[in-house]
Amino acid sequence: MGISRRTLAAAAAAAVLGLGGGVAASAASAPSGPEAATQSPGEVWKRTELFFGTGKPDGTEVTDREFAGFSDREITPAFPDGFTRLDGTGQWRGGSGPIVREHTHVIVLLYPFGDRAAEGEIESLRTDYKKEFQQESVLRSDSVEKVSF
């Protein structure tokens, strides 16, 4: 069983963008089974990436200052131990059909696998951002990572 070209391309794009690649990118070369768990230090944690688009329905954008305010009020209190913000440009097809191109803030969160409170905080962040900035959605991507500090 090989990896499809589409999966390989997605993993390569993620690596180029500095988004890691998580489990999918390492699956092709990583050993599996019990020996894999002992080859690197760390604990199993969850990784969540949230993609906050900045285009508003009225044609304006969420400014860097507005996003920084949202981050200070919402993200920092929810994840005071830390997170990473990456900025990029992306595109997606909205519910009404046309392709939307916009500046995007990606927030990367790492938290212990059993942290149930984090799930609620993440969903609150998504809901609050959509409401405050009239967004159709906030993309969420979850994976499992081995983390060592």
N, C-alpha and C. Protein backbone atom coordinates (compact mmCIF):
# COMPACT_ATOMS: atom_id res chain seq x y z
N MET A 1 0.85 -1.18 0.00
CA MET A 1 0.00 0.00 0.00
C MET A 1 0.89 1.23 0.00
N GLY A 2 0.76 2.11 -0.98
CA GLY A 2 1.57 3.31 -1.04
C GLY A 2 0.77 4.54 -0.66
N ILE A 3 1.47 5.62 -0.56
CA ILE A 3 0.83 6.90 -0.25
C ILE A 3 0.44 7.54 -1.56
N SER A 4 -0.76 8.07 -1.64
CA SER A 4 -1.22 8.71 -2.86
C SER A 4 -0.43 9.98 -3.13
N ARG A 5 -0.40 10.38 -4.39
CA ARG A 5 0.28 11.63 -4.74
C ARG A 5 -0.36 12.82 -4.05
N ARG A 6 -1.67 12.77 -3.89
CA ARG A 6 -2.38 13.87 -3.24
C ARG A 6 -1.96 14.00 -1.78
N THR A 7 -1.85 12.85 -1.06
CA THR A 7 -1.42 12.88 0.34
C THR A 7 0.01 13.37 0.44
N LEU A 8 0.88 12.88 -0.44
CA LEU A 8 2.28 13.30 -0.44
C LEU A 8 2.40 14.79 -0.73
N ALA A 9 1.61 15.29 -1.68
CA ALA A 9 1.63 16.73 -2.01
C ALA A 9 1.15 17.56 -0.83
N ALA A 10 0.10 17.10 -0.16
CA ALA A 10 -0.42 17.84 0.99
C ALA A 10 0.60 17.88 2.11
N ALA A 11 1.28 16.77 2.36
CA ALA A 11 2.30 16.73 3.40
C ALA A 11 3.47 17.64 3.05
N ALA A 12 3.87 17.62 1.77
CA ALA A 12 4.97 18.49 1.35
C ALA A 12 4.58 19.95 1.47
N ALA A 13 3.36 20.29 1.09
CA ALA A 13 2.90 21.68 1.21
C ALA A 13 2.88 22.10 2.67
N ALA A 14 2.41 21.24 3.55
CA ALA A 14 2.38 21.57 4.97
C ALA A 14 3.78 21.81 5.50
N ALA A 15 4.73 20.98 5.06
CA ALA A 15 6.11 21.14 5.53
C ALA A 15 6.69 22.47 5.04
N VAL A 16 6.43 22.81 3.78
CA VAL A 16 6.93 24.07 3.22
C VAL A 16 6.33 25.26 3.95
N LEU A 17 5.06 25.17 4.29
CA LEU A 17 4.38 26.26 4.99
C LEU A 17 4.72 26.31 6.47
N GLY A 18 5.48 25.35 6.96
CA GLY A 18 5.84 25.35 8.37
C GLY A 18 4.71 24.86 9.25
N LEU A 19 3.78 24.12 8.68
CA LEU A 19 2.64 23.64 9.44
C LEU A 19 2.89 22.25 10.00
N GLY A 20 4.10 21.78 9.90
CA GLY A 20 4.40 20.48 10.48
C GLY A 20 4.07 19.39 9.50
N GLY A 21 2.97 18.81 9.61
CA GLY A 21 2.59 17.69 8.78
C GLY A 21 2.05 16.61 9.67
N GLY A 22 2.35 16.73 10.95
CA GLY A 22 1.79 15.84 11.95
C GLY A 22 1.95 14.39 11.62
N VAL A 23 0.95 13.64 11.97
CA VAL A 23 0.96 12.21 11.81
C VAL A 23 1.01 11.81 10.35
N ALA A 24 0.28 12.52 9.48
CA ALA A 24 0.20 12.14 8.07
C ALA A 24 1.55 12.21 7.38
N ALA A 25 2.32 13.27 7.65
CA ALA A 25 3.60 13.43 6.99
C ALA A 25 4.61 12.40 7.47
N SER A 26 4.51 11.98 8.70
CA SER A 26 5.50 11.05 9.23
C SER A 26 5.10 9.60 9.03
N ALA A 27 3.89 9.34 8.58
CA ALA A 27 3.40 7.96 8.48
C ALA A 27 4.17 7.14 7.47
N ALA A 28 4.67 7.78 6.41
CA ALA A 28 5.35 7.02 5.37
C ALA A 28 6.66 6.43 5.83
N SER A 29 7.40 7.12 6.69
CA SER A 29 8.71 6.64 7.07
C SER A 29 8.82 6.23 8.53
N ALA A 30 7.80 6.50 9.31
CA ALA A 30 7.88 6.22 10.75
C ALA A 30 7.62 4.75 11.04
N PRO A 31 8.41 4.16 11.93
CA PRO A 31 8.13 2.79 12.33
C PRO A 31 6.82 2.75 13.12
N SER A 32 6.17 1.61 13.07
CA SER A 32 4.93 1.48 13.81
C SER A 32 5.08 0.42 14.89
N GLY A 33 4.09 0.36 15.75
CA GLY A 33 4.11 -0.64 16.80
C GLY A 33 4.72 -0.11 18.07
N PRO A 34 4.90 -0.99 19.07
CA PRO A 34 5.41 -0.57 20.38
C PRO A 34 6.79 0.07 20.33
N GLU A 35 7.64 -0.38 19.39
CA GLU A 35 8.99 0.19 19.33
C GLU A 35 8.97 1.66 18.92
N ALA A 36 7.96 2.09 18.18
CA ALA A 36 7.87 3.49 17.76
C ALA A 36 7.67 4.41 18.95
N ALA A 37 6.93 3.96 19.93
CA ALA A 37 6.64 4.79 21.10
C ALA A 37 7.87 5.04 21.96
N THR A 38 8.86 4.19 21.86
CA THR A 38 10.05 4.34 22.71
C THR A 38 11.21 5.01 21.99
N GLN A 39 11.09 5.30 20.69
CA GLN A 39 12.21 5.85 19.93
C GLN A 39 12.41 7.35 20.13
N SER A 40 11.40 8.07 20.57
CA SER A 40 11.57 9.50 20.79
C SER A 40 10.98 9.85 22.14
N PRO A 41 11.55 10.89 22.77
CA PRO A 41 11.02 11.28 24.08
C PRO A 41 9.69 11.99 23.94
N GLY A 42 8.96 12.07 25.01
CA GLY A 42 7.75 12.87 25.01
C GLY A 42 6.51 12.10 25.38
N GLU A 43 5.42 12.85 25.37
CA GLU A 43 4.10 12.31 25.70
C GLU A 43 3.17 12.55 24.52
N VAL A 44 2.11 11.77 24.44
CA VAL A 44 1.12 11.94 23.39
C VAL A 44 0.20 13.10 23.78
N TRP A 45 0.14 14.08 22.91
CA TRP A 45 -0.71 15.26 23.10
C TRP A 45 -1.56 15.44 21.85
N LYS A 46 -2.57 16.28 21.97
CA LYS A 46 -3.36 16.67 20.81
C LYS A 46 -2.80 17.96 20.23
N ARG A 47 -2.91 18.08 18.93
CA ARG A 47 -2.54 19.30 18.21
C ARG A 47 -3.78 19.76 17.47
N THR A 48 -4.17 20.98 17.71
CA THR A 48 -5.30 21.57 17.00
C THR A 48 -4.82 22.81 16.29
N GLU A 49 -5.16 22.92 15.02
CA GLU A 49 -4.88 24.11 14.25
C GLU A 49 -6.22 24.77 13.93
N LEU A 50 -6.31 26.06 14.21
CA LEU A 50 -7.51 26.84 13.91
C LEU A 50 -7.15 27.87 12.84
N PHE A 51 -7.94 27.92 11.79
CA PHE A 51 -7.69 28.82 10.67
C PHE A 51 -8.73 29.94 10.71
N PHE A 52 -8.26 31.13 11.10
CA PHE A 52 -9.12 32.29 11.23
C PHE A 52 -8.97 33.16 9.98
N GLY A 53 -9.95 33.11 9.10
CA GLY A 53 -9.94 33.97 7.92
C GLY A 53 -10.24 35.40 8.32
N THR A 54 -9.85 36.33 7.46
CA THR A 54 -10.02 37.74 7.81
C THR A 54 -10.99 38.51 6.92
N GLY A 55 -11.47 37.88 5.85
CA GLY A 55 -12.40 38.57 4.96
C GLY A 55 -13.79 38.65 5.56
N LYS A 56 -14.35 39.85 5.59
CA LYS A 56 -15.71 40.05 6.11
C LYS A 56 -16.70 40.14 4.94
N PRO A 57 -17.96 39.84 5.20
CA PRO A 57 -18.97 39.88 4.13
C PRO A 57 -19.11 41.24 3.45
N ASP A 58 -18.80 42.34 4.17
CA ASP A 58 -18.93 43.67 3.58
C ASP A 58 -17.72 44.08 2.74
N GLY A 59 -16.75 43.15 2.57
CA GLY A 59 -15.58 43.43 1.75
C GLY A 59 -14.38 43.95 2.53
N THR A 60 -14.56 44.29 3.79
CA THR A 60 -13.43 44.73 4.62
C THR A 60 -12.76 43.49 5.21
N GLU A 61 -11.66 43.72 5.91
CA GLU A 61 -10.93 42.62 6.54
C GLU A 61 -10.77 42.86 8.03
N VAL A 62 -10.65 41.77 8.76
CA VAL A 62 -10.26 41.84 10.17
C VAL A 62 -8.83 42.35 10.16
N THR A 63 -8.58 43.48 10.81
CA THR A 63 -7.24 44.05 10.82
C THR A 63 -6.34 43.28 11.79
N ASP A 64 -5.03 43.47 11.64
CA ASP A 64 -4.09 42.84 12.58
C ASP A 64 -4.37 43.31 14.00
N ARG A 65 -4.73 44.57 14.14
CA ARG A 65 -5.04 45.12 15.48
C ARG A 65 -6.29 44.45 16.07
N GLU A 66 -7.31 44.25 15.23
CA GLU A 66 -8.52 43.58 15.70
C GLU A 66 -8.23 42.14 16.09
N PHE A 67 -7.42 41.46 15.28
CA PHE A 67 -7.10 40.07 15.61
C PHE A 67 -6.26 39.99 16.88
N ALA A 68 -5.32 40.92 17.03
CA ALA A 68 -4.50 40.95 18.26
C ALA A 68 -5.40 41.16 19.48
N GLY A 69 -6.40 42.03 19.36
CA GLY A 69 -7.35 42.24 20.45
C GLY A 69 -8.12 40.97 20.78
N PHE A 70 -8.58 40.27 19.73
CA PHE A 70 -9.29 39.01 19.92
C PHE A 70 -8.38 38.00 20.61
N SER A 71 -7.14 37.94 20.15
CA SER A 71 -6.17 37.02 20.73
C SER A 71 -5.94 37.32 22.21
N ASP A 72 -5.77 38.60 22.54
CA ASP A 72 -5.55 39.00 23.93
C ASP A 72 -6.75 38.69 24.82
N ARG A 73 -7.96 38.94 24.31
CA ARG A 73 -9.19 38.73 25.09
C ARG A 73 -9.63 37.29 25.17
N GLU A 74 -9.42 36.53 24.10
CA GLU A 74 -10.01 35.20 23.99
C GLU A 74 -8.99 34.05 24.01
N ILE A 75 -7.98 34.12 23.15
CA ILE A 75 -7.06 32.98 23.00
C ILE A 75 -6.11 32.87 24.18
N THR A 76 -5.48 33.97 24.57
CA THR A 76 -4.53 33.93 25.68
C THR A 76 -5.15 33.44 26.98
N PRO A 77 -6.33 33.94 27.40
CA PRO A 77 -6.93 33.41 28.63
C PRO A 77 -7.31 31.93 28.52
N ALA A 78 -7.70 31.49 27.32
CA ALA A 78 -8.10 30.09 27.14
C ALA A 78 -6.89 29.16 27.15
N PHE A 79 -5.75 29.63 26.64
CA PHE A 79 -4.53 28.83 26.55
C PHE A 79 -3.33 29.63 27.06
N PRO A 80 -3.31 29.92 28.37
CA PRO A 80 -2.26 30.76 28.94
C PRO A 80 -0.87 30.11 28.90
N ASP A 81 -0.79 28.79 28.74
CA ASP A 81 0.51 28.13 28.67
C ASP A 81 1.19 28.34 27.32
N GLY A 82 0.44 28.81 26.33
CA GLY A 82 1.06 29.16 25.06
C GLY A 82 0.36 28.60 23.84
N PHE A 83 0.67 29.20 22.71
CA PHE A 83 0.18 28.80 21.39
C PHE A 83 1.09 29.45 20.37
N THR A 84 0.96 29.07 19.13
CA THR A 84 1.74 29.66 18.05
C THR A 84 0.79 30.25 17.03
N ARG A 85 1.11 31.46 16.57
CA ARG A 85 0.32 32.12 15.52
C ARG A 85 1.16 32.15 14.25
N LEU A 86 0.60 31.63 13.19
CA LEU A 86 1.22 31.68 11.87
C LEU A 86 0.32 32.50 10.97
N ASP A 87 0.88 33.32 10.11
CA ASP A 87 0.08 34.12 9.19
C ASP A 87 0.30 33.61 7.78
N GLY A 88 -0.75 33.59 7.02
CA GLY A 88 -0.66 33.11 5.65
C GLY A 88 -1.76 33.67 4.79
N THR A 89 -1.79 33.18 3.58
CA THR A 89 -2.83 33.53 2.63
C THR A 89 -3.42 32.23 2.11
N GLY A 90 -4.72 32.18 2.03
CA GLY A 90 -5.35 30.95 1.57
C GLY A 90 -6.59 31.22 0.76
N GLN A 91 -7.23 30.15 0.39
CA GLN A 91 -8.48 30.27 -0.32
C GLN A 91 -9.37 29.09 0.04
N TRP A 92 -10.66 29.31 -0.10
CA TRP A 92 -11.64 28.27 0.17
C TRP A 92 -12.92 28.61 -0.57
N ARG A 93 -13.80 27.63 -0.72
CA ARG A 93 -15.08 27.87 -1.38
C ARG A 93 -16.14 27.95 -0.30
N GLY A 94 -16.76 29.10 -0.18
CA GLY A 94 -17.80 29.31 0.82
C GLY A 94 -19.11 28.63 0.46
N GLY A 95 -20.04 28.69 1.38
CA GLY A 95 -21.34 28.07 1.17
C GLY A 95 -22.12 28.62 -0.01
N SER A 96 -21.84 29.88 -0.39
CA SER A 96 -22.56 30.49 -1.51
C SER A 96 -21.93 30.18 -2.86
N GLY A 97 -20.76 29.49 -2.87
CA GLY A 97 -20.18 29.02 -4.12
C GLY A 97 -18.89 29.63 -4.61
N PRO A 98 -18.70 30.95 -4.53
CA PRO A 98 -17.46 31.51 -5.11
C PRO A 98 -16.24 31.20 -4.25
N ILE A 99 -15.09 31.19 -4.90
CA ILE A 99 -13.82 31.00 -4.19
C ILE A 99 -13.46 32.30 -3.49
N VAL A 100 -13.10 32.19 -2.22
CA VAL A 100 -12.72 33.34 -1.41
C VAL A 100 -11.23 33.25 -1.13
N ARG A 101 -10.49 34.31 -1.44
CA ARG A 101 -9.06 34.38 -1.13
C ARG A 101 -8.89 35.41 -0.03
N GLU A 102 -8.14 35.04 1.01
CA GLU A 102 -8.01 35.96 2.14
C GLU A 102 -6.75 35.68 2.96
N HIS A 103 -6.37 36.70 3.70
CA HIS A 103 -5.31 36.58 4.70
C HIS A 103 -5.87 35.70 5.82
N THR A 104 -5.02 34.85 6.39
CA THR A 104 -5.47 33.91 7.42
C THR A 104 -4.49 33.87 8.57
N HIS A 105 -5.02 33.80 9.78
CA HIS A 105 -4.21 33.58 10.98
C HIS A 105 -4.44 32.13 11.40
N VAL A 106 -3.35 31.37 11.51
CA VAL A 106 -3.43 29.98 11.96
C VAL A 106 -2.91 29.93 13.39
N ILE A 107 -3.73 29.43 14.29
CA ILE A 107 -3.33 29.26 15.68
C ILE A 107 -3.09 27.77 15.91
N VAL A 108 -1.88 27.44 16.37
CA VAL A 108 -1.52 26.06 16.66
C VAL A 108 -1.53 25.88 18.17
N LEU A 109 -2.34 24.92 18.62
CA LEU A 109 -2.47 24.62 20.04
C LEU A 109 -1.98 23.20 20.30
N LEU A 110 -1.19 23.01 21.32
CA LEU A 110 -0.78 21.69 21.79
C LEU A 110 -1.23 21.56 23.23
N TYR A 111 -1.90 20.45 23.55
CA TYR A 111 -2.42 20.27 24.90
C TYR A 111 -2.50 18.78 25.21
N PRO A 112 -2.45 18.43 26.50
CA PRO A 112 -2.48 17.02 26.88
C PRO A 112 -3.70 16.31 26.30
N PHE A 113 -3.49 15.08 25.88
CA PHE A 113 -4.52 14.31 25.19
C PHE A 113 -5.84 14.25 25.96
N GLY A 114 -5.79 14.13 27.25
CA GLY A 114 -7.01 13.99 28.04
C GLY A 114 -7.62 15.30 28.52
N ASP A 115 -7.16 16.44 28.02
CA ASP A 115 -7.63 17.74 28.48
C ASP A 115 -9.00 18.07 27.88
N ARG A 116 -10.06 17.66 28.59
CA ARG A 116 -11.42 17.88 28.10
C ARG A 116 -11.80 19.36 28.10
N ALA A 117 -11.24 20.14 29.01
CA ALA A 117 -11.55 21.57 29.06
C ALA A 117 -11.09 22.28 27.79
N ALA A 118 -9.99 21.82 27.21
CA ALA A 118 -9.47 22.44 25.98
C ALA A 118 -10.49 22.34 24.85
N GLU A 119 -11.21 21.23 24.77
CA GLU A 119 -12.22 21.06 23.72
C GLU A 119 -13.28 22.17 23.79
N GLY A 120 -13.77 22.43 24.99
CA GLY A 120 -14.76 23.49 25.16
C GLY A 120 -14.21 24.86 24.83
N GLU A 121 -12.97 25.11 25.25
CA GLU A 121 -12.32 26.40 24.97
C GLU A 121 -12.16 26.61 23.46
N ILE A 122 -11.76 25.57 22.77
CA ILE A 122 -11.56 25.67 21.32
C ILE A 122 -12.86 25.98 20.61
N GLU A 123 -13.92 25.29 20.99
CA GLU A 123 -15.21 25.54 20.34
C GLU A 123 -15.73 26.93 20.68
N SER A 124 -15.46 27.41 21.88
CA SER A 124 -15.85 28.79 22.24
C SER A 124 -15.10 29.80 21.39
N LEU A 125 -13.81 29.57 21.16
CA LEU A 125 -13.02 30.47 20.31
C LEU A 125 -13.62 30.55 18.91
N ARG A 126 -13.95 29.40 18.36
CA ARG A 126 -14.52 29.36 17.01
C ARG A 126 -15.84 30.12 16.96
N THR A 127 -16.71 29.86 17.91
CA THR A 127 -18.02 30.50 17.96
C THR A 127 -17.89 32.01 18.13
N ASP A 128 -17.03 32.43 19.05
CA ASP A 128 -16.87 33.86 19.32
C ASP A 128 -16.29 34.61 18.12
N TYR A 129 -15.31 34.01 17.44
CA TYR A 129 -14.71 34.67 16.28
C TYR A 129 -15.73 34.81 15.16
N LYS A 130 -16.47 33.74 14.89
CA LYS A 130 -17.48 33.80 13.83
C LYS A 130 -18.50 34.90 14.11
N LYS A 131 -18.93 34.99 15.36
CA LYS A 131 -19.92 36.00 15.72
C LYS A 131 -19.35 37.41 15.65
N GLU A 132 -18.17 37.61 16.23
CA GLU A 132 -17.59 38.96 16.29
C GLU A 132 -17.23 39.51 14.92
N PHE A 133 -16.74 38.64 14.02
CA PHE A 133 -16.25 39.13 12.73
C PHE A 133 -17.07 38.63 11.53
N GLN A 134 -18.30 38.20 11.78
CA GLN A 134 -19.22 37.78 10.72
C GLN A 134 -18.60 36.74 9.78
N GLN A 135 -18.03 35.70 10.36
CA GLN A 135 -17.38 34.65 9.59
C GLN A 135 -18.31 33.46 9.39
N GLU A 136 -18.24 32.84 8.23
CA GLU A 136 -19.03 31.65 7.95
C GLU A 136 -18.50 30.46 8.73
N SER A 137 -17.18 30.39 8.88
CA SER A 137 -16.60 29.26 9.59
C SER A 137 -15.20 29.60 10.08
N VAL A 138 -14.71 28.77 11.00
CA VAL A 138 -13.30 28.76 11.42
C VAL A 138 -12.89 27.30 11.30
N LEU A 139 -11.99 27.02 10.36
CA LEU A 139 -11.54 25.65 10.13
C LEU A 139 -10.79 25.13 11.34
N ARG A 140 -11.08 23.88 11.71
CA ARG A 140 -10.38 23.21 12.79
C ARG A 140 -9.79 21.93 12.24
N SER A 141 -8.51 21.71 12.55
CA SER A 141 -7.83 20.48 12.15
C SER A 141 -7.16 19.89 13.39
N ASP A 142 -7.43 18.61 13.68
CA ASP A 142 -6.88 17.95 14.86
C ASP A 142 -5.98 16.79 14.46
N SER A 143 -4.92 16.61 15.23
CA SER A 143 -4.04 15.45 15.05
C SER A 143 -3.47 15.07 16.41
N VAL A 144 -2.76 13.98 16.44
CA VAL A 144 -2.11 13.51 17.65
C VAL A 144 -0.61 13.59 17.41
N GLU A 145 0.10 14.17 18.37
CA GLU A 145 1.54 14.37 18.24
C GLU A 145 2.24 13.83 19.49
N LYS A 146 3.50 13.52 19.33
CA LYS A 146 4.33 13.20 20.49
C LYS A 146 5.11 14.46 20.80
N VAL A 147 4.97 14.96 22.04
CA VAL A 147 5.52 16.27 22.41
C VAL A 147 6.51 16.11 23.55
N SER A 148 7.63 16.84 23.43
CA SER A 148 8.65 16.86 24.48
C SER A 148 9.14 18.29 24.63
N PHE A 149 9.27 18.75 25.86
CA PHE A 149 9.73 20.11 26.12
C PHE A 149 11.15 20.08 26.67
